[in-house]
Amino acid sequence: MAGLIAGGSSEQLTFHLPLARQNGVTEAELIETITHMAFYAGWPKAMSALTVAREVFRAA
């Protein structure tokens, strides 16, 4: 996830977020990861990732 966020490939998270959840990563942990990445990759990339994550979590 960190690589996708840093590279600006947020749209790919629609595939990877559900896989992370299937492997035991909680929704809170995923959001924490995205928030943490804001300091490294920049707020715009993190906010784009958060938008995708919200959509994925709503669909679940």
C-alpha atoms as a PDB file:
ATOM      1  CA  MET A   1       0.000   0.000   0.000  1.00  0.00           C
ATOM      2  CA  ALA A   2       2.750   2.444   0.858  1.00  0.00           C
ATOM      3  CA  GLY A   3       4.301   2.038  -2.579  1.00  0.00           C
ATOM      4  CA  LEU A   4       0.981   2.576  -4.328  1.00  0.00           C
ATOM      5  CA  ILE A   5       0.235   5.685  -2.286  1.00  0.00           C
ATOM      6  CA  ALA A   6       3.724   7.137  -2.736  1.00  0.00           C
ATOM      7  CA  GLY A   7       3.604   6.457  -6.467  1.00  0.00           C
ATOM      8  CA  GLY A   8       0.217   8.103  -6.848  1.00  0.00           C
ATOM      9  CA  SER A   9      -1.495   4.875  -7.899  1.00  0.00           C
ATOM     10  CA  SER A  10      -4.459   5.163  -5.548  1.00  0.00           C
ATOM     11  CA  GLU A  11      -6.823   3.550  -8.044  1.00  0.00           C
ATOM     12  CA  GLN A  12      -4.931   0.273  -7.552  1.00  0.00           C
ATOM     13  CA  LEU A  13      -5.965   0.255  -3.892  1.00  0.00           C
ATOM     14  CA  THR A  14      -9.413  -1.012  -4.874  1.00  0.00           C
ATOM     15  CA  PHE A  15      -7.724  -4.370  -5.429  1.00  0.00           C
ATOM     16  CA  HIS A  16      -5.202  -4.297  -2.576  1.00  0.00           C
ATOM     17  CA  LEU A  17      -7.338  -3.005   0.307  1.00  0.00           C
ATOM     18  CA  PRO A  18      -9.743  -5.978   0.276  1.00  0.00           C
ATOM     19  CA  LEU A  19      -6.771  -8.352   0.122  1.00  0.00           C
ATOM     20  CA  ALA A  20      -5.215  -6.659   3.127  1.00  0.00           C
ATOM     21  CA  ARG A  21      -8.471  -7.066   5.048  1.00  0.00           C
ATOM     22  CA  GLN A  22      -8.657 -10.749   4.054  1.00  0.00           C
ATOM     23  CA  ASN A  23      -5.172 -11.157   5.503  1.00  0.00           C
ATOM     24  CA  GLY A  24      -6.197  -9.738   8.881  1.00  0.00           C
ATOM     25  CA  VAL A  25      -5.390  -6.035   8.577  1.00  0.00           C
ATOM     26  CA  THR A  26      -8.150  -3.999  10.208  1.00  0.00           C
ATOM     27  CA  GLU A  27      -9.858  -0.998   8.678  1.00  0.00           C
ATOM     28  CA  ALA A  28      -8.355   1.187  11.424  1.00  0.00           C
ATOM     29  CA  GLU A  29      -4.854  -0.066  10.610  1.00  0.00           C
ATOM     30  CA  LEU A  30      -5.362   0.670   6.918  1.00  0.00           C
ATOM     31  CA  ILE A  31      -6.503   4.204   7.675  1.00  0.00           C
ATOM     32  CA  GLU A  32      -3.526   4.681   9.998  1.00  0.00           C
ATOM     33  CA  THR A  33      -1.205   3.567   7.196  1.00  0.00           C
ATOM     34  CA  ILE A  34      -2.732   6.038   4.770  1.00  0.00           C
ATOM     35  CA  THR A  35      -2.532   8.844   7.335  1.00  0.00           C
ATOM     36  CA  HIS A  36       1.082   8.000   8.088  1.00  0.00           C
ATOM     37  CA  MET A  37       1.925   8.066   4.389  1.00  0.00           C
ATOM     38  CA  ALA A  38       0.687  11.664   4.158  1.00  0.00           C
ATOM     39  CA  PHE A  39       3.901  12.806   5.858  1.00  0.00           C
ATOM     40  CA  TYR A  40       6.091  10.897   3.417  1.00  0.00           C
ATOM     41  CA  ALA A  41       4.206  10.997   0.125  1.00  0.00           C
ATOM     42  CA  GLY A  42       2.298  14.229   0.627  1.00  0.00           C
ATOM     43  CA  TRP A  43      -1.207  15.088   1.691  1.00  0.00           C
ATOM     44  CA  PRO A  44      -2.724  15.092  -1.820  1.00  0.00           C
ATOM     45  CA  LYS A  45      -1.681  11.498  -2.466  1.00  0.00           C
ATOM     46  CA  ALA A  46      -2.860  10.385   0.967  1.00  0.00           C
ATOM     47  CA  MET A  47      -6.213  12.117   0.545  1.00  0.00           C
ATOM     48  CA  SER A  48      -6.684  10.429  -2.837  1.00  0.00           C
ATOM     49  CA  ALA A  49      -5.937   7.087  -1.187  1.00  0.00           C
ATOM     50  CA  LEU A  50      -8.344   7.844   1.634  1.00  0.00           C
ATOM     51  CA  THR A  51     -11.103   8.589  -0.863  1.00  0.00           C
ATOM     52  CA  VAL A  52     -10.558   5.205  -2.506  1.00  0.00           C
ATOM     53  CA  ALA A  53     -10.450   3.491   0.906  1.00  0.00           C
ATOM     54  CA  ARG A  54     -13.777   5.025   1.923  1.00  0.00           C
ATOM     55  CA  GLU A  55     -15.392   3.697  -1.246  1.00  0.00           C
ATOM     56  CA  VAL A  56     -13.923   0.218  -0.692  1.00  0.00           C
ATOM     57  CA  PHE A  57     -15.005   0.142   2.983  1.00  0.00           C
ATOM     58  CA  ARG A  58     -18.547   1.252   2.097  1.00  0.00           C
ATOM     59  CA  ALA A  59     -18.856  -1.522  -0.466  1.00  0.00           C
ATOM     60  CA  ALA A  60     -17.746  -4.184   2.015  1.00  0.00           C
END
